[in-house]
Amino acid sequence: MQEYLDFFANNTLLVVAWFGLVAAIVVTTVMAKLSKVKVIPTQEAVLLINKQEAVVIDVRSTDDFRKGHITGAVNLPASQIKANDLSQIQKYQQKPVILVCDTGMTTSGLGRILTKAEFTQVYALRGGMADWRTQNLPVAKR
């Protein structure tokens, strides 16, 4: 036990950093489990679209949307969601909604905004359009 105390005393910064990382991992894991926004893989998204008529909301810019998007997706840039301008998608509050961005990194935060606006089933596509294209799933262009 004395060796541990000596290590802690000699490497305080390292020990603090280690405990900080462990705390961050625990907090993010608990937050993900308690979140109303579920992160789903592409296979589950396809099932939701085909079986439950889920609505795909593409939060990328209009230019990126025009370059290629999931068939039937609605383009609602992230800036509009952050500004609480949800009039374009208000009619989908009771349907499953799948949020899609480039890499899947921004959709969880936007999903929390939608759940606060009383959207009942909000999902975020893991990996975003990059993963969708990697899986060779259909992409539409306007």
Protein backbone atom coordinates (compact mmCIF):
# COMPACT_ATOMS: atom_id res chain seq x y z
CA MET A 1 0.00 0.00 0.00
CA GLN A 2 2.91 2.33 0.75
CA GLU A 3 4.10 1.93 -2.86
CA TYR A 4 0.79 3.26 -4.15
CA LEU A 5 0.94 6.27 -1.87
CA ASP A 6 4.51 6.98 -2.98
CA PHE A 7 3.46 6.70 -6.63
CA PHE A 8 0.53 9.08 -6.07
CA ALA A 9 2.78 11.57 -4.28
CA ASN A 10 5.47 11.47 -6.98
CA ASN A 11 3.08 11.53 -9.96
CA THR A 12 0.21 13.74 -8.85
CA LEU A 13 -0.48 15.20 -12.29
CA LEU A 14 -0.57 11.76 -13.91
CA VAL A 15 -2.95 10.42 -11.25
CA VAL A 16 -5.26 13.44 -11.56
CA ALA A 17 -5.32 13.08 -15.36
CA TRP A 18 -6.11 9.37 -15.07
CA PHE A 19 -8.99 9.96 -12.66
CA GLY A 20 -10.26 12.74 -14.94
CA LEU A 21 -10.33 10.39 -17.92
CA VAL A 22 -12.11 7.69 -15.95
CA ALA A 23 -14.70 10.22 -14.75
CA ALA A 24 -15.24 11.48 -18.31
CA ILE A 25 -15.80 7.95 -19.61
CA VAL A 26 -18.26 7.16 -16.82
CA VAL A 27 -20.20 10.41 -17.34
CA THR A 28 -20.46 10.02 -21.13
CA THR A 29 -21.55 6.39 -20.78
CA VAL A 30 -24.25 7.25 -18.26
CA MET A 31 -25.44 10.22 -20.35
CA ALA A 32 -25.67 8.02 -23.47
CA LYS A 33 -27.73 5.43 -21.59
CA LEU A 34 -30.11 8.05 -20.17
CA SER A 35 -30.45 10.07 -23.38
CA LYS A 36 -33.76 10.04 -25.22
CA VAL A 37 -31.83 10.23 -28.50
CA LYS A 38 -30.78 6.75 -29.57
CA VAL A 39 -27.72 6.36 -31.80
CA ILE A 40 -28.43 3.65 -34.36
CA PRO A 41 -26.37 1.90 -37.05
CA THR A 42 -27.31 2.06 -40.73
CA GLN A 43 -29.02 -1.35 -40.70
CA GLU A 44 -31.42 -0.27 -37.96
CA ALA A 45 -32.05 3.02 -39.78
CA VAL A 46 -33.02 1.11 -42.94
CA LEU A 47 -35.44 -1.02 -40.90
CA LEU A 48 -37.01 2.07 -39.32
CA ILE A 49 -37.40 3.71 -42.73
CA ASN A 50 -38.92 0.62 -44.35
CA LYS A 51 -41.05 -0.78 -41.51
CA GLN A 52 -42.08 2.26 -39.47
CA GLU A 53 -41.93 4.98 -42.16
CA ALA A 54 -39.28 6.93 -40.28
CA VAL A 55 -38.51 10.41 -41.55
CA VAL A 56 -34.85 11.15 -42.34
CA ILE A 57 -33.78 14.69 -41.51
CA ASP A 58 -30.49 15.71 -43.08
CA VAL A 59 -28.91 18.47 -40.98
CA ARG A 60 -26.07 19.24 -43.40
CA SER A 61 -25.86 22.40 -45.49
CA THR A 62 -28.04 22.72 -48.59
CA ASP A 63 -24.98 22.34 -50.85
CA ASP A 64 -23.92 19.09 -49.17
CA PHE A 65 -27.53 17.87 -49.33
CA ARG A 66 -27.64 18.48 -53.09
CA LYS A 67 -24.43 16.52 -53.60
CA GLY A 68 -26.11 13.41 -52.24
CA HIS A 69 -28.59 12.45 -49.54
CA ILE A 70 -30.68 9.53 -48.34
CA THR A 71 -33.72 9.04 -50.57
CA GLY A 72 -36.74 10.87 -49.17
CA ALA A 73 -34.69 12.89 -46.68
CA VAL A 74 -35.79 16.36 -45.59
CA ASN A 75 -33.05 18.99 -45.51
CA LEU A 76 -33.13 21.08 -42.33
CA PRO A 77 -29.71 22.64 -41.66
CA ALA A 78 -28.38 22.44 -38.11
CA SER A 79 -28.48 26.23 -37.80
CA GLN A 80 -32.28 26.16 -38.19
CA ILE A 81 -32.66 23.49 -35.51
CA LYS A 82 -30.42 25.46 -33.15
CA ALA A 83 -32.59 28.54 -33.84
CA ASN A 84 -35.66 26.43 -32.95
CA ASP A 85 -37.09 26.90 -36.47
CA LEU A 86 -38.82 23.52 -36.64
CA SER A 87 -41.88 24.50 -38.69
CA GLN A 88 -40.70 22.44 -41.66
CA ILE A 89 -40.71 19.20 -39.62
CA GLN A 90 -43.39 19.92 -37.01
CA LYS A 91 -45.78 17.46 -38.69
CA TYR A 92 -43.38 14.56 -37.92
CA GLN A 93 -43.50 14.91 -34.11
CA GLN A 94 -45.20 11.54 -33.58
CA LYS A 95 -43.16 9.63 -36.20
CA PRO A 96 -39.69 8.15 -35.83
CA VAL A 97 -37.16 10.80 -36.88
CA ILE A 98 -33.60 9.91 -37.93
CA LEU A 99 -31.06 12.75 -37.88
CA VAL A 100 -28.17 12.55 -40.36
CA CYS A 101 -25.02 14.67 -40.65
CA ASP A 102 -21.65 14.09 -42.34
CA THR A 103 -20.03 11.90 -39.68
CA GLY A 104 -22.64 11.42 -36.95
CA MET A 105 -20.91 13.73 -34.48
CA THR A 106 -23.44 16.60 -34.31
CA THR A 107 -26.77 14.82 -34.45
CA SER A 108 -27.04 13.81 -30.77
CA GLY A 109 -26.96 17.43 -29.61
CA LEU A 110 -29.52 18.40 -32.23
CA GLY A 111 -31.63 15.43 -31.21
CA ARG A 112 -31.83 16.78 -27.66
CA ILE A 113 -33.31 19.99 -29.07
CA LEU A 114 -35.96 17.95 -30.90
CA THR A 115 -36.85 15.94 -27.80
CA LYS A 116 -37.33 19.19 -25.90
CA ALA A 117 -39.67 20.26 -28.72
CA GLU A 118 -41.76 17.15 -27.95
CA PHE A 119 -40.60 14.88 -30.78
CA THR A 120 -41.33 11.42 -29.42
CA GLN A 121 -38.90 9.11 -31.27
CA VAL A 122 -35.56 10.71 -32.16
CA TYR A 123 -32.64 8.71 -33.53
CA ALA A 124 -29.15 9.72 -34.68
CA LEU A 125 -27.43 7.82 -37.49
CA ARG A 126 -24.07 6.50 -36.28
CA GLY A 127 -21.36 7.48 -38.75
CA GLY A 128 -23.68 9.81 -40.70
CA MET A 129 -23.57 9.98 -44.48
CA ALA A 130 -19.98 8.75 -44.49
CA ASP A 131 -21.06 5.41 -43.02
CA TRP A 132 -24.18 5.32 -45.23
CA ARG A 133 -21.98 5.63 -48.34
CA THR A 134 -19.46 3.10 -46.97
CA GLN A 135 -22.30 0.57 -46.69
CA ASN A 136 -23.14 1.24 -50.39
CA LEU A 137 -26.71 2.25 -49.53
CA PRO A 138 -28.66 4.33 -52.05
CA VAL A 139 -27.97 8.05 -52.31
CA ALA A 140 -30.22 10.46 -54.22
CA LYS A 141 -29.19 13.72 -55.89
CA ARG A 142 -31.41 16.62 -56.87
